[in-house]
Amino acid sequence: MQEKSSVLKSPGIIMTIIMILEAILLFAWWPTSIGAFGIAKVGWLMIFMYFVWAAQCFIYIYWIEKREGKE
């Protein structure tokens, strides 16, 4: 008999919530001051977030593969 897992424990739901929280942080705190090399701080934050999103994609893939391996 298979256990029913909670929808809130689904990797897709958790990763979606994390990405929404990151977007809220970015848009709520919109730094307009100029940073290094004349690029606004929000630009640097967006560039940094590409790497964070890539890491999240790899974590998600690993998580799903590990979860499907148990089934």
Protein backbone atom coordinates (compact mmCIF):
# COMPACT_ATOMS: atom_id res chain seq x y z
CA MET A 1 0.00 0.00 0.00
CA GLN A 2 1.36 3.40 -0.97
CA GLU A 3 1.39 6.28 1.45
CA LYS A 4 -0.22 9.48 0.29
CA SER A 5 2.26 12.30 0.57
CA SER A 6 1.17 15.79 1.41
CA VAL A 7 0.88 18.22 -1.48
CA LEU A 8 2.90 20.71 0.57
CA LYS A 9 5.83 18.27 0.63
CA SER A 10 5.94 18.16 -3.16
CA PRO A 11 9.30 19.42 -4.50
CA GLY A 12 7.54 21.47 -7.19
CA ILE A 13 5.36 23.30 -4.67
CA ILE A 14 8.29 23.97 -2.34
CA MET A 15 10.52 25.28 -5.15
CA THR A 16 7.69 27.45 -6.47
CA ILE A 17 7.19 28.98 -3.02
CA ILE A 18 10.94 29.65 -2.73
CA MET A 19 11.04 31.36 -6.14
CA ILE A 20 7.99 33.48 -5.29
CA LEU A 21 9.64 34.58 -2.04
CA GLU A 22 12.81 35.50 -3.96
CA ALA A 23 10.77 37.56 -6.43
CA ILE A 24 8.94 39.31 -3.60
CA LEU A 25 12.29 40.15 -1.99
CA LEU A 26 13.61 41.54 -5.27
CA PHE A 27 10.57 43.67 -6.05
CA ALA A 28 9.92 44.81 -2.47
CA TRP A 29 13.54 45.90 -2.01
CA TRP A 30 14.38 47.55 -5.30
CA PRO A 31 17.83 49.08 -4.72
CA THR A 32 18.34 51.98 -7.11
CA SER A 33 21.75 53.08 -5.95
CA ILE A 34 24.71 52.59 -8.24
CA GLY A 35 27.02 49.68 -7.43
CA ALA A 36 30.29 48.42 -8.87
CA PHE A 37 31.23 49.27 -12.47
CA GLY A 38 28.33 51.72 -12.71
CA ILE A 39 25.70 48.97 -12.62
CA ALA A 40 22.75 49.46 -10.28
CA LYS A 41 22.59 47.15 -7.29
CA VAL A 42 19.37 45.66 -8.59
CA GLY A 43 21.24 44.63 -11.75
CA TRP A 44 23.88 42.87 -9.69
CA LEU A 45 21.14 41.18 -7.68
CA MET A 46 19.45 39.94 -10.84
CA ILE A 47 22.74 38.61 -12.21
CA PHE A 48 23.41 36.82 -8.92
CA MET A 49 19.89 35.37 -8.94
CA TYR A 50 20.57 33.59 -12.24
CA PHE A 51 23.14 31.47 -10.42
CA VAL A 52 20.77 30.90 -7.51
CA TRP A 53 18.02 29.77 -9.93
CA ALA A 54 20.45 27.45 -11.72
CA ALA A 55 21.41 25.92 -8.37
CA GLN A 56 17.73 25.52 -7.53
CA CYS A 57 17.17 23.71 -10.83
CA PHE A 58 19.95 21.24 -10.05
CA ILE A 59 18.63 20.72 -6.52
CA TYR A 60 15.13 20.14 -7.90
CA ILE A 61 16.36 17.59 -10.45
CA TYR A 62 18.38 15.74 -7.80
CA TRP A 63 15.41 15.83 -5.41
CA ILE A 64 12.98 14.43 -8.00
CA GLU A 65 15.41 11.69 -9.11
CA LYS A 66 16.00 10.68 -5.51
CA ARG A 67 12.28 10.69 -4.80
CA GLU A 68 11.44 8.63 -7.90
CA GLY A 69 14.20 6.18 -7.02
CA LYS A 70 12.38 5.33 -3.79
CA GLU A 71 9.17 4.44 -5.64
